[in-house]
């Protein structure tokens, strides 16, 4: 909870783009995963209708790293 509170405060101070860059520098501390989950879950909550009524459209991946897309 403390780390999430710090992330929220940092996002207010420096903005989401700068914070995303900052948390991706040291991936071992867990901040990047926590920030991504926080942003994704909030986006999902804010776009509830899309998730309730939208259609699933699978995308095809191509290129050398096509097997590494999630």
C-alpha atoms as a PDB file:
ATOM      1  CA  UNK A   1       0.000   0.000   0.000  1.00  0.00           C
ATOM      2  CA  UNK A   2       2.870   2.319   0.829  1.00  0.00           C
ATOM      3  CA  UNK A   3       4.544   1.753  -2.533  1.00  0.00           C
ATOM      4  CA  UNK A   4       1.262   2.348  -4.370  1.00  0.00           C
ATOM      5  CA  UNK A   5       0.704   5.570  -2.425  1.00  0.00           C
ATOM      6  CA  UNK A   6       4.192   6.728  -3.399  1.00  0.00           C
ATOM      7  CA  UNK A   7       3.528   5.891  -7.045  1.00  0.00           C
ATOM      8  CA  UNK A   8       0.258   7.844  -7.024  1.00  0.00           C
ATOM      9  CA  UNK A   9       1.974  10.845  -5.467  1.00  0.00           C
ATOM     10  CA  UNK A  10       4.848  10.687  -7.956  1.00  0.00           C
ATOM     11  CA  UNK A  11       2.374  10.482 -10.829  1.00  0.00           C
ATOM     12  CA  UNK A  12       0.749  13.707  -9.612  1.00  0.00           C
ATOM     13  CA  UNK A  13       4.125  15.419  -9.277  1.00  0.00           C
ATOM     14  CA  UNK A  14       5.948  14.326 -12.440  1.00  0.00           C
ATOM     15  CA  UNK A  15       3.193  12.918 -14.648  1.00  0.00           C
ATOM     16  CA  UNK A  16       2.432   9.403 -15.879  1.00  0.00           C
ATOM     17  CA  UNK A  17       4.916   9.371 -18.774  1.00  0.00           C
ATOM     18  CA  UNK A  18       7.888  10.382 -16.614  1.00  0.00           C
ATOM     19  CA  UNK A  19       6.838   7.960 -13.899  1.00  0.00           C
ATOM     20  CA  UNK A  20       6.568   5.104 -16.394  1.00  0.00           C
ATOM     21  CA  UNK A  21      10.131   5.809 -17.510  1.00  0.00           C
ATOM     22  CA  UNK A  22      11.317   6.018 -13.908  1.00  0.00           C
ATOM     23  CA  UNK A  23       9.765   2.734 -12.730  1.00  0.00           C
ATOM     24  CA  UNK A  24      11.038   0.814 -15.759  1.00  0.00           C
ATOM     25  CA  UNK A  25      14.672   1.589 -14.895  1.00  0.00           C
ATOM     26  CA  UNK A  26      14.846  -0.896 -12.008  1.00  0.00           C
ATOM     27  CA  UNK A  27      12.361  -3.649 -12.780  1.00  0.00           C
ATOM     28  CA  UNK A  28      13.476  -5.812  -9.855  1.00  0.00           C
ATOM     29  CA  UNK A  29      11.915  -3.554  -7.216  1.00  0.00           C
ATOM     30  CA  UNK A  30       8.354  -4.371  -8.352  1.00  0.00           C
ATOM     31  CA  UNK A  31       7.244  -0.787  -8.973  1.00  0.00           C
ATOM     32  CA  UNK A  32       6.816  -1.262 -12.728  1.00  0.00           C
ATOM     33  CA  UNK A  33       4.497  -4.249 -12.243  1.00  0.00           C
ATOM     34  CA  UNK A  34       2.498  -2.489  -9.532  1.00  0.00           C
ATOM     35  CA  UNK A  35       2.173   0.697 -11.604  1.00  0.00           C
ATOM     36  CA  UNK A  36       1.074  -1.230 -14.689  1.00  0.00           C
ATOM     37  CA  UNK A  37      -1.552  -3.181 -12.708  1.00  0.00           C
ATOM     38  CA  UNK A  38      -2.803   0.021 -11.059  1.00  0.00           C
ATOM     39  CA  UNK A  39      -3.138   1.846 -14.391  1.00  0.00           C
ATOM     40  CA  UNK A  40      -4.729  -1.125 -16.197  1.00  0.00           C
ATOM     41  CA  UNK A  41      -7.301  -1.792 -13.481  1.00  0.00           C
ATOM     42  CA  UNK A  42      -8.240   1.881 -13.260  1.00  0.00           C
ATOM     43  CA  UNK A  43      -8.588   2.097 -17.049  1.00  0.00           C
ATOM     44  CA  UNK A  44     -10.794  -0.978 -16.976  1.00  0.00           C
ATOM     45  CA  UNK A  45     -12.979   0.531 -14.244  1.00  0.00           C
ATOM     46  CA  UNK A  46     -13.261   3.813 -16.171  1.00  0.00           C
ATOM     47  CA  UNK A  47     -14.239   1.935 -19.351  1.00  0.00           C
ATOM     48  CA  UNK A  48     -16.589  -0.616 -17.789  1.00  0.00           C
ATOM     49  CA  UNK A  49     -19.076  -0.500 -20.681  1.00  0.00           C
ATOM     50  CA  UNK A  50     -16.391  -1.500 -23.170  1.00  0.00           C
ATOM     51  CA  UNK A  51     -15.524  -4.578 -21.137  1.00  0.00           C
ATOM     52  CA  UNK A  52     -19.177  -5.471 -20.586  1.00  0.00           C
ATOM     53  CA  UNK A  53     -20.359  -5.089 -24.188  1.00  0.00           C
ATOM     54  CA  UNK A  54     -17.266  -5.008 -26.381  1.00  0.00           C
ATOM     55  CA  UNK A  55     -16.210  -7.842 -28.645  1.00  0.00           C
ATOM     56  CA  UNK A  56     -12.968  -9.768 -28.420  1.00  0.00           C
ATOM     57  CA  UNK A  57     -10.958  -9.262 -31.590  1.00  0.00           C
ATOM     58  CA  UNK A  58      -7.749 -11.318 -31.681  1.00  0.00           C
ATOM     59  CA  UNK A  59      -4.719  -9.668 -33.227  1.00  0.00           C
ATOM     60  CA  UNK A  60      -2.109 -11.428 -35.303  1.00  0.00           C
ATOM     61  CA  UNK A  61       1.505 -10.794 -34.367  1.00  0.00           C
ATOM     62  CA  UNK A  62       4.297 -10.853 -36.921  1.00  0.00           C
ATOM     63  CA  UNK A  63       8.034 -10.494 -37.035  1.00  0.00           C
ATOM     64  CA  UNK A  64      10.982 -11.985 -35.207  1.00  0.00           C
ATOM     65  CA  UNK A  65       9.371 -11.591 -31.776  1.00  0.00           C
ATOM     66  CA  UNK A  66       5.841 -12.690 -32.673  1.00  0.00           C
ATOM     67  CA  UNK A  67       5.966 -15.526 -30.113  1.00  0.00           C
ATOM     68  CA  UNK A  68       6.768 -13.072 -27.308  1.00  0.00           C
ATOM     69  CA  UNK A  69       3.628 -10.918 -27.502  1.00  0.00           C
ATOM     70  CA  UNK A  70       1.055 -11.163 -24.764  1.00  0.00           C
END
